[in-house]
Amino acid sequence: MNIDKETSEKIEELQILEQNLQNFFMQKQSIQIELNEVLNALSEVKKTADDIYKVIGGVMIKSNKDQLIKELEEKKKILDLRIGSIEKQEKIIESKAAGLKSEITDVVNKKKS
């Protein structure tokens, strides 16, 4: 089957969009792992009545519990925002990809007829 230049460009664009989606998926997965670590740390810090230590550059330093909770909650907010941003970008790209798939399918079906 002979595909015209415009359809070929749409196929290439679709491939790029799908690669971008894959990259966003990997970024989101990485951020979600980091978010889970923050949530687990936050939970443990809130439960303990003992001294709290924070790792900085491979060194454990005694830390203020309230300050550490504040830092972890701020980090959680930032990670939540990053995940939300990635999800919005994913939706936009998925919408574009669906439109391109539809256009390509229509052209291929017309060529078959």
C-alpha atoms as a PDB file:
ATOM      1  CA  MET A   1       0.000   0.000   0.000  1.00  0.00           C
ATOM      2  CA  ASN A   2       1.302   3.430  -0.936  1.00  0.00           C
ATOM      3  CA  ILE A   3       0.986   6.050   1.817  1.00  0.00           C
ATOM      4  CA  ASP A   4       1.127   9.731   0.930  1.00  0.00           C
ATOM      5  CA  LYS A   5       3.606  12.142   2.516  1.00  0.00           C
ATOM      6  CA  GLU A   6       1.010  13.757   4.821  1.00  0.00           C
ATOM      7  CA  THR A   7      -0.079  10.395   6.257  1.00  0.00           C
ATOM      8  CA  SER A   8       3.544   9.357   6.676  1.00  0.00           C
ATOM      9  CA  GLU A   9       4.217  12.559   8.663  1.00  0.00           C
ATOM     10  CA  LYS A  10       1.169  11.865  10.827  1.00  0.00           C
ATOM     11  CA  ILE A  11       2.472   8.374  11.562  1.00  0.00           C
ATOM     12  CA  GLU A  12       5.841   9.823  12.573  1.00  0.00           C
ATOM     13  CA  GLU A  13       4.128  12.397  14.787  1.00  0.00           C
ATOM     14  CA  LEU A  14       2.068   9.639  16.398  1.00  0.00           C
ATOM     15  CA  GLN A  15       5.230   7.679  17.137  1.00  0.00           C
ATOM     16  CA  ILE A  16       6.787  10.748  18.763  1.00  0.00           C
ATOM     17  CA  LEU A  17       3.669  11.300  20.862  1.00  0.00           C
ATOM     18  CA  GLU A  18       3.730   7.678  21.994  1.00  0.00           C
ATOM     19  CA  GLN A  19       7.409   8.020  22.964  1.00  0.00           C
ATOM     20  CA  ASN A  20       6.545  11.165  24.940  1.00  0.00           C
ATOM     21  CA  LEU A  21       3.777   9.273  26.730  1.00  0.00           C
ATOM     22  CA  GLN A  22       6.247   6.539  27.637  1.00  0.00           C
ATOM     23  CA  ASN A  23       8.673   9.153  28.999  1.00  0.00           C
ATOM     24  CA  PHE A  24       5.917  10.771  31.067  1.00  0.00           C
ATOM     25  CA  PHE A  25       4.926   7.357  32.405  1.00  0.00           C
ATOM     26  CA  MET A  26       8.491   6.687  33.561  1.00  0.00           C
ATOM     27  CA  GLN A  27       8.791  10.153  35.131  1.00  0.00           C
ATOM     28  CA  LYS A  28       5.483   9.736  36.931  1.00  0.00           C
ATOM     29  CA  GLN A  29       6.473   6.303  38.173  1.00  0.00           C
ATOM     30  CA  SER A  30       9.749   7.683  39.548  1.00  0.00           C
ATOM     31  CA  ILE A  31       7.958  10.561  41.288  1.00  0.00           C
ATOM     32  CA  GLN A  32       5.371   8.180  42.743  1.00  0.00           C
ATOM     33  CA  ILE A  33       8.147   6.045  44.232  1.00  0.00           C
ATOM     34  CA  GLU A  34       9.680   9.162  45.788  1.00  0.00           C
ATOM     35  CA  LEU A  35       6.242  10.229  47.054  1.00  0.00           C
ATOM     36  CA  ASN A  36       5.719   6.823  48.695  1.00  0.00           C
ATOM     37  CA  GLU A  37       9.080   7.177  50.446  1.00  0.00           C
ATOM     38  CA  VAL A  38       8.091  10.625  51.720  1.00  0.00           C
ATOM     39  CA  LEU A  39       4.711   9.343  52.928  1.00  0.00           C
ATOM     40  CA  ASN A  40       6.346   6.421  54.740  1.00  0.00           C
ATOM     41  CA  ALA A  41       8.914   8.730  56.350  1.00  0.00           C
ATOM     42  CA  LEU A  42       6.191  11.173  57.362  1.00  0.00           C
ATOM     43  CA  SER A  43       4.172   8.385  58.922  1.00  0.00           C
ATOM     44  CA  GLU A  44       7.153   7.085  60.888  1.00  0.00           C
ATOM     45  CA  VAL A  45       8.207  10.543  62.059  1.00  0.00           C
ATOM     46  CA  LYS A  46       4.702  11.327  63.297  1.00  0.00           C
ATOM     47  CA  LYS A  47       4.515   8.007  65.203  1.00  0.00           C
ATOM     48  CA  THR A  48       7.791   8.242  67.062  1.00  0.00           C
ATOM     49  CA  ALA A  49       8.399   9.986  70.335  1.00  0.00           C
ATOM     50  CA  ASP A  50      12.135   9.279  70.186  1.00  0.00           C
ATOM     51  CA  ASP A  51      14.851  11.516  68.783  1.00  0.00           C
ATOM     52  CA  ILE A  52      14.598  12.124  65.050  1.00  0.00           C
ATOM     53  CA  TYR A  53      17.567  11.959  62.698  1.00  0.00           C
ATOM     54  CA  LYS A  54      17.821  13.221  59.152  1.00  0.00           C
ATOM     55  CA  VAL A  55      20.285  11.961  56.533  1.00  0.00           C
ATOM     56  CA  ILE A  56      22.175  14.751  54.797  1.00  0.00           C
ATOM     57  CA  GLY A  57      24.896  13.809  52.345  1.00  0.00           C
ATOM     58  CA  GLY A  58      25.373  10.387  53.908  1.00  0.00           C
ATOM     59  CA  VAL A  59      25.553  11.774  57.463  1.00  0.00           C
ATOM     60  CA  MET A  60      22.822  11.362  60.052  1.00  0.00           C
ATOM     61  CA  ILE A  61      22.064  14.563  61.926  1.00  0.00           C
ATOM     62  CA  LYS A  62      19.697  14.985  64.846  1.00  0.00           C
ATOM     63  CA  SER A  63      16.693  16.996  63.700  1.00  0.00           C
ATOM     64  CA  ASN A  64      13.684  18.814  65.095  1.00  0.00           C
ATOM     65  CA  LYS A  65      10.574  16.647  64.697  1.00  0.00           C
ATOM     66  CA  ASP A  66       8.205  19.518  63.829  1.00  0.00           C
ATOM     67  CA  GLN A  67      10.635  20.994  61.315  1.00  0.00           C
ATOM     68  CA  LEU A  68      11.162  17.613  59.670  1.00  0.00           C
ATOM     69  CA  ILE A  69       7.412  17.029  59.427  1.00  0.00           C
ATOM     70  CA  LYS A  70       7.049  20.449  57.819  1.00  0.00           C
ATOM     71  CA  GLU A  71       9.816  19.665  55.295  1.00  0.00           C
ATOM     72  CA  LEU A  72       8.313  16.282  54.417  1.00  0.00           C
ATOM     73  CA  GLU A  73       4.827  17.737  53.983  1.00  0.00           C
ATOM     74  CA  GLU A  74       6.231  20.450  51.696  1.00  0.00           C
ATOM     75  CA  LYS A  75       8.064  17.839  49.652  1.00  0.00           C
ATOM     76  CA  LYS A  76       4.829  15.829  49.432  1.00  0.00           C
ATOM     77  CA  LYS A  77       2.973  18.878  48.084  1.00  0.00           C
ATOM     78  CA  ILE A  78       5.652  19.466  45.456  1.00  0.00           C
ATOM     79  CA  LEU A  79       5.597  15.834  44.349  1.00  0.00           C
ATOM     80  CA  ASP A  80       1.780  15.859  44.172  1.00  0.00           C
ATOM     81  CA  LEU A  81       1.946  18.961  41.971  1.00  0.00           C
ATOM     82  CA  ARG A  82       4.518  17.350  39.676  1.00  0.00           C
ATOM     83  CA  ILE A  83       2.373  14.236  39.303  1.00  0.00           C
ATOM     84  CA  GLY A  84      -0.680  16.386  38.562  1.00  0.00           C
ATOM     85  CA  SER A  85       1.241  18.335  35.938  1.00  0.00           C
ATOM     86  CA  ILE A  86       2.471  15.169  34.251  1.00  0.00           C
ATOM     87  CA  GLU A  87      -1.060  13.720  34.249  1.00  0.00           C
ATOM     88  CA  LYS A  88      -2.393  16.869  32.545  1.00  0.00           C
ATOM     89  CA  GLN A  89       0.324  16.649  29.899  1.00  0.00           C
ATOM     90  CA  GLU A  90      -0.431  12.949  29.416  1.00  0.00           C
ATOM     91  CA  LYS A  91      -4.113  13.696  28.806  1.00  0.00           C
ATOM     92  CA  ILE A  92      -3.264  16.335  26.196  1.00  0.00           C
ATOM     93  CA  ILE A  93      -0.884  13.996  24.386  1.00  0.00           C
ATOM     94  CA  GLU A  94      -3.318  11.067  24.602  1.00  0.00           C
ATOM     95  CA  SER A  95      -6.008  13.252  23.043  1.00  0.00           C
ATOM     96  CA  LYS A  96      -3.684  14.314  20.206  1.00  0.00           C
ATOM     97  CA  ALA A  97      -2.599  10.708  19.673  1.00  0.00           C
ATOM     98  CA  ALA A  98      -6.192   9.489  19.528  1.00  0.00           C
ATOM     99  CA  GLY A  99      -6.996  12.134  16.909  1.00  0.00           C
ATOM    100  CA  LEU A 100      -3.992  11.173  14.813  1.00  0.00           C
ATOM    101  CA  LYS A 101      -4.832   7.467  15.068  1.00  0.00           C
ATOM    102  CA  SER A 102      -8.328   8.221  13.856  1.00  0.00           C
ATOM    103  CA  GLU A 103      -7.036  10.288  10.913  1.00  0.00           C
ATOM    104  CA  ILE A 104      -4.505   7.619   9.937  1.00  0.00           C
ATOM    105  CA  THR A 105      -7.112   4.865  10.188  1.00  0.00           C
ATOM    106  CA  ASP A 106      -9.489   6.839   7.958  1.00  0.00           C
ATOM    107  CA  VAL A 107      -6.791   7.342   5.304  1.00  0.00           C
ATOM    108  CA  VAL A 108      -5.763   3.663   5.398  1.00  0.00           C
ATOM    109  CA  ASN A 109      -9.387   2.505   5.137  1.00  0.00           C
ATOM    110  CA  LYS A 110      -9.984   4.824   2.149  1.00  0.00           C
ATOM    111  CA  LYS A 111      -6.875   3.443   0.417  1.00  0.00           C
ATOM    112  CA  LYS A 112      -8.164  -0.114   0.925  1.00  0.00           C
ATOM    113  CA  SER A 113     -11.531   0.732  -0.674  1.00  0.00           C
END
